[in-house]
Amino acid sequence: MKKFIDQMGRKVEIDFPVDRVISLVPSITEFLIDLGVNVVGRTKFCVHPKEHIGRAAVIGGTKNFRFEDIEALKPDLIIGNKEENYEEGILQLEKDYPVWMSDINSLADAERMMKMLGHLFGEAHRSEHFITRLRMRLHGLKDAYEGRAIYLIWKNPWMAAGTNTYIHDFMTHLGYKNVILDERYPTLATPKKLQILNPQHVLLSSEPFPFKKEHVEELQQLLPNATIRLVDGEIYSWYGTRLLNCDLQIGYNF
C-alpha cells in the first residue's frame, strides 16, 4: 500500500501493482493510454486515441456512472476530475476503490497532472518526454492571435468560458484577451450582453454545444464587426497529449 496526494490535496492509498485503471476524464484517458497504462474502463466521451479506445469498456458518462459496470471491471485505481465528474458519484466510488482526483484550470495544472501520474505509474521519463514536446508545440502557438475575444460553449442560454478555466488560460497563451471577467462558465442573460461586451473575435466551440455555420451567421447579425469562427473544442479544452495528437491544420480553425 502506497500513499499519494492527488491534485485536490487528498490522500489516496493505492495497492501496487496497479494493473486495471478506469478513467472518468476524456483528456486523461488519452494521456494514460499514451503513457502505456492499462485502461480497462472509460466514459462514453473518452474517444481518443481512436485506434486503442475500443479496448476499454464504457461505464457511462462523466456525470452518470454505471456502478455495476465499474464493479465488474474490478479496477485497481480510478482517475477522476473535480470539474468534469459529479461529487456524489465520486464519493460513492471512494467507498470501494482508490480514486485519484485531478483539478485542472490552467496549462500549468495540466503539466502538473502529467508529472504526478507519470510518477504514480512509474512512467516519469515517458511523461517528461510528452511534457517537453507539449512545451515545444505551445511555444509555437504563443501569441499567434490578438484582440478581445469570447469563447462560447453553449446556446439557449449563451454560456462562455471565463477566468480560472483551462480554456481561458489557453486563449491567453494564444494571445487573445478574454472579455469574460467572471470565473468559470457564466451565463449571458441576453444577446444584448454580447453586444455590450463587443468582442473582436467570437470563438464557437465544437463541444459541448455543437456550433455550426448557421450559428456563425446568427451571431454575425448580432456582432457585424466581429470575426466569428468555429473552433475545435478538443484543442482548446483537452489537456494532456491531445495537442500532440491532433493536426492543427485540419478541420476547424484553432
C-alpha atoms as a PDB file:
ATOM      1  CA  MET A   1       0.000   0.000   0.000  1.00  0.00           C
ATOM      2  CA  LYS A   2       1.412   3.374  -1.061  1.00  0.00           C
ATOM      3  CA  LYS A   3       0.073   6.817  -0.213  1.00  0.00           C
ATOM      4  CA  PHE A   4      -0.224   9.583  -2.793  1.00  0.00           C
ATOM      5  CA  ILE A   5      -1.542  13.140  -2.737  1.00  0.00           C
ATOM      6  CA  ASP A   6      -3.766  13.954  -5.696  1.00  0.00           C
ATOM      7  CA  GLN A   7      -4.324  17.360  -7.326  1.00  0.00           C
ATOM      8  CA  MET A   8      -7.090  18.207  -4.890  1.00  0.00           C
ATOM      9  CA  GLY A   9      -4.727  17.634  -1.965  1.00  0.00           C
ATOM     10  CA  ARG A  10      -6.463  14.407  -0.969  1.00  0.00           C
ATOM     11  CA  LYS A  11      -4.576  11.411   0.394  1.00  0.00           C
ATOM     12  CA  VAL A  12      -5.093   8.327  -1.751  1.00  0.00           C
ATOM     13  CA  GLU A  13      -3.923   4.868  -0.652  1.00  0.00           C
ATOM     14  CA  ILE A  14      -3.173   2.571  -3.582  1.00  0.00           C
ATOM     15  CA  ASP A  15      -2.248  -1.103  -3.650  1.00  0.00           C
ATOM     16  CA  PHE A  16       0.541  -1.932  -6.081  1.00  0.00           C
ATOM     17  CA  PRO A  17       0.996  -3.130  -8.712  1.00  0.00           C
ATOM     18  CA  VAL A  18      -1.737  -1.099 -10.421  1.00  0.00           C
ATOM     19  CA  ASP A  19      -2.877  -3.029 -13.466  1.00  0.00           C
ATOM     20  CA  ARG A  20      -6.534  -2.198 -14.090  1.00  0.00           C
ATOM     21  CA  VAL A  21      -7.444   1.506 -14.343  1.00  0.00           C
ATOM     22  CA  ILE A  22     -10.712   3.285 -15.038  1.00  0.00           C
ATOM     23  CA  SER A  23     -10.557   6.863 -16.293  1.00  0.00           C
ATOM     24  CA  LEU A  24     -13.574   9.144 -15.928  1.00  0.00           C
ATOM     25  CA  VAL A  25     -11.901  12.043 -17.770  1.00  0.00           C
ATOM     26  CA  PRO A  26     -11.653  12.090 -21.600  1.00  0.00           C
ATOM     27  CA  SER A  27      -8.412  14.103 -21.740  1.00  0.00           C
ATOM     28  CA  ILE A  28      -6.726  11.948 -19.124  1.00  0.00           C
ATOM     29  CA  THR A  29      -7.909   8.708 -20.728  1.00  0.00           C
ATOM     30  CA  GLU A  30      -5.948   9.580 -23.856  1.00  0.00           C
ATOM     31  CA  PHE A  31      -2.887  10.566 -21.841  1.00  0.00           C
ATOM     32  CA  LEU A  32      -2.966   7.353 -19.784  1.00  0.00           C
ATOM     33  CA  ILE A  33      -3.185   5.156 -22.884  1.00  0.00           C
ATOM     34  CA  ASP A  34      -0.310   7.102 -24.469  1.00  0.00           C
ATOM     35  CA  LEU A  35       1.583   6.552 -21.213  1.00  0.00           C
ATOM     36  CA  GLY A  36       1.126   2.804 -21.585  1.00  0.00           C
ATOM     37  CA  VAL A  37      -1.382   2.374 -18.742  1.00  0.00           C
ATOM     38  CA  ASN A  38      -3.923  -0.459 -18.998  1.00  0.00           C
ATOM     39  CA  VAL A  39      -7.191   1.495 -19.134  1.00  0.00           C
ATOM     40  CA  VAL A  40      -9.997  -1.047 -18.789  1.00  0.00           C
ATOM     41  CA  GLY A  41     -12.880   1.407 -18.343  1.00  0.00           C
ATOM     42  CA  ARG A  42     -13.828   4.833 -19.692  1.00  0.00           C
ATOM     43  CA  THR A  43     -16.762   7.187 -20.184  1.00  0.00           C
ATOM     44  CA  LYS A  44     -18.664   7.426 -23.459  1.00  0.00           C
ATOM     45  CA  PHE A  45     -16.975  10.773 -24.046  1.00  0.00           C
ATOM     46  CA  CYS A  46     -13.483   9.217 -23.961  1.00  0.00           C
ATOM     47  CA  VAL A  47     -12.965   8.898 -27.721  1.00  0.00           C
ATOM     48  CA  HIS A  48      -9.178   9.163 -28.087  1.00  0.00           C
ATOM     49  CA  PRO A  49      -6.860   7.599 -29.097  1.00  0.00           C
ATOM     50  CA  LYS A  50      -9.214   6.156 -31.710  1.00  0.00           C
ATOM     51  CA  GLU A  51      -7.038   3.144 -32.524  1.00  0.00           C
ATOM     52  CA  HIS A  52      -6.975   1.939 -28.897  1.00  0.00           C
ATOM     53  CA  ILE A  53     -10.011   3.331 -27.120  1.00  0.00           C
ATOM     54  CA  GLY A  54     -12.325   0.498 -28.141  1.00  0.00           C
ATOM     55  CA  ARG A  55     -10.454  -1.895 -25.850  1.00  0.00           C
ATOM     56  CA  ALA A  56     -11.797  -0.090 -22.776  1.00  0.00           C
ATOM     57  CA  ALA A  57     -15.365  -0.729 -21.634  1.00  0.00           C
ATOM     58  CA  VAL A  58     -17.801   2.187 -21.388  1.00  0.00           C
ATOM     59  CA  ILE A  59     -19.065   2.740 -17.833  1.00  0.00           C
ATOM     60  CA  GLY A  60     -21.490   5.606 -18.501  1.00  0.00           C
ATOM     61  CA  GLY A  61     -20.908   9.340 -18.824  1.00  0.00           C
ATOM     62  CA  THR A  62     -18.739  11.766 -16.904  1.00  0.00           C
ATOM     63  CA  LYS A  63     -21.672  12.670 -14.667  1.00  0.00           C
ATOM     64  CA  ASN A  64     -23.632   9.417 -14.564  1.00  0.00           C
ATOM     65  CA  PHE A  65     -21.564   6.341 -13.761  1.00  0.00           C
ATOM     66  CA  ARG A  66     -22.886   2.810 -14.088  1.00  0.00           C
ATOM     67  CA  PHE A  67     -21.601   1.420 -10.811  1.00  0.00           C
ATOM     68  CA  GLU A  68     -22.384  -2.213 -11.621  1.00  0.00           C
ATOM     69  CA  ASP A  69     -20.219  -1.975 -14.762  1.00  0.00           C
ATOM     70  CA  ILE A  70     -17.394  -0.436 -12.751  1.00  0.00           C
ATOM     71  CA  GLU A  71     -17.633  -3.226 -10.191  1.00  0.00           C
ATOM     72  CA  ALA A  72     -17.431  -5.861 -12.938  1.00  0.00           C
ATOM     73  CA  LEU A  73     -14.175  -4.354 -14.207  1.00  0.00           C
ATOM     74  CA  LYS A  74     -12.506  -4.731 -10.786  1.00  0.00           C
ATOM     75  CA  PRO A  75     -10.348  -1.593 -11.047  1.00  0.00           C
ATOM     76  CA  ASP A  76      -7.184  -1.120  -9.009  1.00  0.00           C
ATOM     77  CA  LEU A  77      -7.496   2.652  -9.408  1.00  0.00           C
ATOM     78  CA  ILE A  78      -9.996   5.192 -10.731  1.00  0.00           C
ATOM     79  CA  ILE A  79      -8.967   8.587 -12.124  1.00  0.00           C
ATOM     80  CA  GLY A  80     -11.453  11.476 -11.883  1.00  0.00           C
ATOM     81  CA  ASN A  81     -11.648  15.241 -12.233  1.00  0.00           C
ATOM     82  CA  LYS A  82     -13.163  17.890  -9.965  1.00  0.00           C
ATOM     83  CA  GLU A  83     -14.882  19.789 -12.787  1.00  0.00           C
ATOM     84  CA  GLU A  84     -15.905  17.013 -15.152  1.00  0.00           C
ATOM     85  CA  ASN A  85     -17.268  14.468 -12.669  1.00  0.00           C
ATOM     86  CA  TYR A  86     -20.046  14.735 -10.102  1.00  0.00           C
ATOM     87  CA  GLU A  87     -19.285  14.767  -6.403  1.00  0.00           C
ATOM     88  CA  GLU A  88     -21.982  12.289  -5.400  1.00  0.00           C
ATOM     89  CA  GLY A  89     -20.661   9.673  -7.807  1.00  0.00           C
ATOM     90  CA  ILE A  90     -17.049  10.172  -6.755  1.00  0.00           C
ATOM     91  CA  LEU A  91     -17.954   9.864  -3.080  1.00  0.00           C
ATOM     92  CA  GLN A  92     -19.734   6.588  -3.780  1.00  0.00           C
ATOM     93  CA  LEU A  93     -16.770   5.199  -5.713  1.00  0.00           C
ATOM     94  CA  GLU A  94     -14.379   6.166  -2.898  1.00  0.00           C
ATOM     95  CA  LYS A  95     -16.133   3.733  -0.593  1.00  0.00           C
ATOM     96  CA  ASP A  96     -14.878   0.779  -2.640  1.00  0.00           C
ATOM     97  CA  TYR A  97     -11.888   1.942  -4.704  1.00  0.00           C
ATOM     98  CA  PRO A  98      -8.919   4.307  -4.542  1.00  0.00           C
ATOM     99  CA  VAL A  99      -9.859   7.421  -6.542  1.00  0.00           C
ATOM    100  CA  TRP A 100      -7.171   9.885  -7.684  1.00  0.00           C
ATOM    101  CA  MET A 101      -8.679  13.294  -8.498  1.00  0.00           C
ATOM    102  CA  SER A 102      -7.290  15.882 -10.900  1.00  0.00           C
ATOM    103  CA  ASP A 103      -8.068  19.612 -10.745  1.00  0.00           C
ATOM    104  CA  ILE A 104      -7.044  21.468 -13.882  1.00  0.00           C
ATOM    105  CA  ASN A 105      -7.666  25.147 -14.571  1.00  0.00           C
ATOM    106  CA  SER A 106      -4.508  26.117 -16.462  1.00  0.00           C
ATOM    107  CA  LEU A 107      -1.727  24.865 -18.706  1.00  0.00           C
ATOM    108  CA  ALA A 108       0.487  24.600 -15.626  1.00  0.00           C
ATOM    109  CA  ASP A 109      -2.111  22.437 -13.859  1.00  0.00           C
ATOM    110  CA  ALA A 110      -2.239  20.128 -16.875  1.00  0.00           C
ATOM    111  CA  GLU A 111       1.531  19.735 -16.863  1.00  0.00           C
ATOM    112  CA  ARG A 112       1.479  19.054 -13.127  1.00  0.00           C
ATOM    113  CA  MET A 113      -1.121  16.320 -13.644  1.00  0.00           C
ATOM    114  CA  MET A 114       1.059  14.651 -16.280  1.00  0.00           C
ATOM    115  CA  LYS A 115       4.051  14.696 -13.949  1.00  0.00           C
ATOM    116  CA  MET A 116       2.083  13.329 -10.995  1.00  0.00           C
ATOM    117  CA  LEU A 117       0.513  10.477 -12.935  1.00  0.00           C
ATOM    118  CA  GLY A 118       3.787   9.708 -14.673  1.00  0.00           C
ATOM    119  CA  HIS A 119       5.350   9.261 -11.236  1.00  0.00           C
ATOM    120  CA  LEU A 120       2.417   7.237  -9.904  1.00  0.00           C
ATOM    121  CA  PHE A 121       2.552   4.743 -12.786  1.00  0.00           C
ATOM    122  CA  GLY A 122       6.340   4.509 -12.869  1.00  0.00           C
ATOM    123  CA  GLU A 123       6.476   6.272 -16.242  1.00  0.00           C
ATOM    124  CA  ALA A 124       8.092   9.544 -15.206  1.00  0.00           C
ATOM    125  CA  HIS A 125      10.558   9.507 -18.115  1.00  0.00           C
ATOM    126  CA  ARG A 126       7.836   8.997 -20.724  1.00  0.00           C
ATOM    127  CA  SER A 127       5.675  11.655 -19.094  1.00  0.00           C
ATOM    128  CA  GLU A 128       8.537  14.160 -19.164  1.00  0.00           C
ATOM    129  CA  HIS A 129       9.038  13.357 -22.848  1.00  0.00           C
ATOM    130  CA  PHE A 130       5.403  14.259 -23.543  1.00  0.00           C
ATOM    131  CA  ILE A 131       5.706  17.434 -21.464  1.00  0.00           C
ATOM    132  CA  THR A 132       8.813  18.539 -23.383  1.00  0.00           C
ATOM    133  CA  ARG A 133       7.050  18.002 -26.721  1.00  0.00           C
ATOM    134  CA  LEU A 134       3.968  19.802 -25.448  1.00  0.00           C
ATOM    135  CA  ARG A 135       6.011  22.814 -24.350  1.00  0.00           C
ATOM    136  CA  MET A 136       7.545  22.993 -27.813  1.00  0.00           C
ATOM    137  CA  ARG A 137       4.165  22.891 -29.509  1.00  0.00           C
ATOM    138  CA  LEU A 138       2.733  25.500 -27.149  1.00  0.00           C
ATOM    139  CA  HIS A 139       5.754  27.711 -27.799  1.00  0.00           C
ATOM    140  CA  GLY A 140       4.893  27.621 -31.496  1.00  0.00           C
ATOM    141  CA  LEU A 141       1.335  28.770 -30.747  1.00  0.00           C
ATOM    142  CA  LYS A 142       2.192  31.570 -28.312  1.00  0.00           C
ATOM    143  CA  ASP A 143       0.718  34.945 -29.298  1.00  0.00           C
ATOM    144  CA  ALA A 144      -0.486  33.560 -32.635  1.00  0.00           C
ATOM    145  CA  TYR A 145      -3.587  35.768 -32.261  1.00  0.00           C
ATOM    146  CA  GLU A 146      -4.523  39.064 -30.692  1.00  0.00           C
ATOM    147  CA  GLY A 147      -7.599  41.039 -29.778  1.00  0.00           C
ATOM    148  CA  ARG A 148     -10.577  40.885 -27.434  1.00  0.00           C
ATOM    149  CA  ALA A 149     -12.311  37.522 -27.659  1.00  0.00           C
ATOM    150  CA  ILE A 150     -15.145  35.466 -26.247  1.00  0.00           C
ATOM    151  CA  TYR A 151     -15.295  31.667 -26.251  1.00  0.00           C
ATOM    152  CA  LEU A 152     -18.874  30.365 -26.329  1.00  0.00           C
ATOM    153  CA  ILE A 153     -19.639  26.844 -25.132  1.00  0.00           C
ATOM    154  CA  TRP A 154     -23.457  26.823 -25.138  1.00  0.00           C
ATOM    155  CA  LYS A 155     -26.552  28.364 -26.688  1.00  0.00           C
ATOM    156  CA  ASN A 156     -30.005  28.982 -25.167  1.00  0.00           C
ATOM    157  CA  PRO A 157     -28.758  30.401 -22.942  1.00  0.00           C
ATOM    158  CA  TRP A 158     -25.431  31.649 -24.226  1.00  0.00           C
ATOM    159  CA  MET A 159     -22.606  30.473 -21.968  1.00  0.00           C
ATOM    160  CA  ALA A 160     -18.943  31.414 -22.168  1.00  0.00           C
ATOM    161  CA  ALA A 161     -15.616  30.326 -20.740  1.00  0.00           C
ATOM    162  CA  GLY A 162     -14.488  32.721 -18.031  1.00  0.00           C
ATOM    163  CA  THR A 163     -11.400  33.073 -15.876  1.00  0.00           C
ATOM    164  CA  ASN A 164      -9.996  30.244 -13.753  1.00  0.00           C
ATOM    165  CA  THR A 165     -10.517  27.729 -16.561  1.00  0.00           C
ATOM    166  CA  TYR A 166      -8.145  25.811 -18.804  1.00  0.00           C
ATOM    167  CA  ILE A 167      -9.846  27.371 -21.846  1.00  0.00           C
ATOM    168  CA  HIS A 168      -9.164  30.893 -20.558  1.00  0.00           C
ATOM    169  CA  ASP A 169      -5.501  30.083 -19.972  1.00  0.00           C
ATOM    170  CA  PHE A 170      -5.153  28.541 -23.430  1.00  0.00           C
ATOM    171  CA  MET A 171      -6.836  31.571 -25.030  1.00  0.00           C
ATOM    172  CA  THR A 172      -4.451  33.865 -23.163  1.00  0.00           C
ATOM    173  CA  HIS A 173      -1.487  31.795 -24.328  1.00  0.00           C
ATOM    174  CA  LEU A 174      -2.676  32.218 -27.933  1.00  0.00           C
ATOM    175  CA  GLY A 175      -2.690  35.990 -27.409  1.00  0.00           C
ATOM    176  CA  TYR A 176      -6.414  36.613 -27.014  1.00  0.00           C
ATOM    177  CA  LYS A 177      -7.783  38.859 -24.265  1.00  0.00           C
ATOM    178  CA  ASN A 178     -10.849  37.173 -22.819  1.00  0.00           C
ATOM    179  CA  VAL A 179     -13.707  39.697 -22.462  1.00  0.00           C
ATOM    180  CA  ILE A 180     -15.346  37.472 -19.830  1.00  0.00           C
ATOM    181  CA  LEU A 181     -14.023  38.519 -16.421  1.00  0.00           C
ATOM    182  CA  ASP A 182     -16.294  36.262 -14.339  1.00  0.00           C
ATOM    183  CA  GLU A 183     -14.943  32.921 -13.152  1.00  0.00           C
ATOM    184  CA  ARG A 184     -15.774  29.545 -14.609  1.00  0.00           C
ATOM    185  CA  TYR A 185     -18.655  29.419 -17.135  1.00  0.00           C
ATOM    186  CA  PRO A 186     -21.057  32.337 -16.721  1.00  0.00           C
ATOM    187  CA  THR A 187     -24.401  32.615 -18.490  1.00  0.00           C
ATOM    188  CA  LEU A 188     -25.019  35.672 -20.648  1.00  0.00           C
ATOM    189  CA  ALA A 189     -28.608  36.561 -19.810  1.00  0.00           C
ATOM    190  CA  THR A 190     -29.472  38.237 -23.123  1.00  0.00           C
ATOM    191  CA  PRO A 191     -27.967  38.661 -26.602  1.00  0.00           C
ATOM    192  CA  LYS A 192     -27.595  42.341 -25.687  1.00  0.00           C
ATOM    193  CA  LYS A 193     -24.850  41.319 -23.232  1.00  0.00           C
ATOM    194  CA  LEU A 194     -22.815  40.039 -26.150  1.00  0.00           C
ATOM    195  CA  GLN A 195     -23.141  43.394 -27.866  1.00  0.00           C
ATOM    196  CA  ILE A 196     -22.110  45.216 -24.695  1.00  0.00           C
ATOM    197  CA  LEU A 197     -19.015  43.029 -24.383  1.00  0.00           C
ATOM    198  CA  ASN A 198     -18.229  43.901 -28.007  1.00  0.00           C
ATOM    199  CA  PRO A 199     -15.608  41.204 -28.721  1.00  0.00           C
ATOM    200  CA  GLN A 200     -13.424  41.452 -31.788  1.00  0.00           C
ATOM    201  CA  HIS A 201     -13.378  37.658 -32.050  1.00  0.00           C
ATOM    202  CA  VAL A 202     -16.088  35.114 -31.261  1.00  0.00           C
ATOM    203  CA  LEU A 203     -14.911  31.525 -30.926  1.00  0.00           C
ATOM    204  CA  LEU A 204     -17.691  28.940 -31.238  1.00  0.00           C
ATOM    205  CA  SER A 205     -16.633  25.632 -29.741  1.00  0.00           C
ATOM    206  CA  SER A 206     -17.453  22.271 -31.314  1.00  0.00           C
ATOM    207  CA  GLU A 207     -18.266  20.974 -27.815  1.00  0.00           C
ATOM    208  CA  PRO A 208     -20.197  20.658 -25.589  1.00  0.00           C
ATOM    209  CA  PHE A 209     -22.673  22.538 -27.811  1.00  0.00           C
ATOM    210  CA  PRO A 210     -22.114  21.604 -31.478  1.00  0.00           C
ATOM    211  CA  PHE A 211     -21.989  25.064 -33.030  1.00  0.00           C
ATOM    212  CA  LYS A 212     -22.445  25.104 -36.799  1.00  0.00           C
ATOM    213  CA  LYS A 213     -22.308  27.534 -39.722  1.00  0.00           C
ATOM    214  CA  GLU A 214     -25.864  28.705 -39.021  1.00  0.00           C
ATOM    215  CA  HIS A 215     -24.769  29.953 -35.601  1.00  0.00           C
ATOM    216  CA  VAL A 216     -21.905  31.873 -37.170  1.00  0.00           C
ATOM    217  CA  GLU A 217     -24.420  33.629 -39.423  1.00  0.00           C
ATOM    218  CA  GLU A 218     -26.754  34.331 -36.495  1.00  0.00           C
ATOM    219  CA  LEU A 219     -24.010  35.908 -34.417  1.00  0.00           C
ATOM    220  CA  GLN A 220     -22.671  37.867 -37.368  1.00  0.00           C
ATOM    221  CA  GLN A 221     -26.006  39.699 -37.473  1.00  0.00           C
ATOM    222  CA  LEU A 222     -25.667  40.475 -33.779  1.00  0.00           C
ATOM    223  CA  LEU A 223     -21.972  41.413 -33.955  1.00  0.00           C
ATOM    224  CA  PRO A 224     -21.360  42.672 -37.517  1.00  0.00           C
ATOM    225  CA  ASN A 225     -17.841  43.909 -36.777  1.00  0.00           C
ATOM    226  CA  ALA A 226     -16.582  40.730 -35.098  1.00  0.00           C
ATOM    227  CA  THR A 227     -14.650  37.885 -36.651  1.00  0.00           C
ATOM    228  CA  ILE A 228     -16.621  34.746 -35.864  1.00  0.00           C
ATOM    229  CA  ARG A 229     -15.169  31.279 -36.331  1.00  0.00           C
ATOM    230  CA  LEU A 230     -15.846  27.683 -35.436  1.00  0.00           C
ATOM    231  CA  VAL A 231     -13.059  26.171 -33.373  1.00  0.00           C
ATOM    232  CA  ASP A 232     -12.146  22.649 -32.344  1.00  0.00           C
ATOM    233  CA  GLY A 233     -13.172  22.318 -28.702  1.00  0.00           C
ATOM    234  CA  GLU A 234     -10.720  19.470 -28.174  1.00  0.00           C
ATOM    235  CA  ILE A 235      -7.792  21.747 -28.994  1.00  0.00           C
ATOM    236  CA  TYR A 236      -8.980  24.442 -26.573  1.00  0.00           C
ATOM    237  CA  SER A 237     -10.154  22.282 -23.692  1.00  0.00           C
ATOM    238  CA  TRP A 238      -8.486  18.847 -23.802  1.00  0.00           C
ATOM    239  CA  TYR A 239      -5.294  18.784 -21.755  1.00  0.00           C
ATOM    240  CA  GLY A 240      -2.686  16.016 -21.705  1.00  0.00           C
ATOM    241  CA  THR A 241      -1.476  14.679 -25.053  1.00  0.00           C
ATOM    242  CA  ARG A 242      -4.406  15.801 -27.265  1.00  0.00           C
ATOM    243  CA  LEU A 243      -2.463  18.794 -28.571  1.00  0.00           C
ATOM    244  CA  LEU A 244       0.324  16.434 -29.635  1.00  0.00           C
ATOM    245  CA  ASN A 245      -2.022  14.018 -31.387  1.00  0.00           C
ATOM    246  CA  CYS A 246      -4.112  16.447 -33.444  1.00  0.00           C
ATOM    247  CA  ASP A 247      -3.315  18.200 -36.703  1.00  0.00           C
ATOM    248  CA  LEU A 248      -3.875  21.919 -36.223  1.00  0.00           C
ATOM    249  CA  GLN A 249      -4.225  22.403 -39.974  1.00  0.00           C
ATOM    250  CA  ILE A 250      -7.175  20.026 -40.387  1.00  0.00           C
ATOM    251  CA  GLY A 251     -10.837  20.638 -39.618  1.00  0.00           C
ATOM    252  CA  TYR A 252     -11.849  23.601 -37.507  1.00  0.00           C
ATOM    253  CA  ASN A 253      -9.734  26.691 -37.098  1.00  0.00           C
ATOM    254  CA  PHE A 254      -7.818  26.656 -33.849  1.00  0.00           C
END
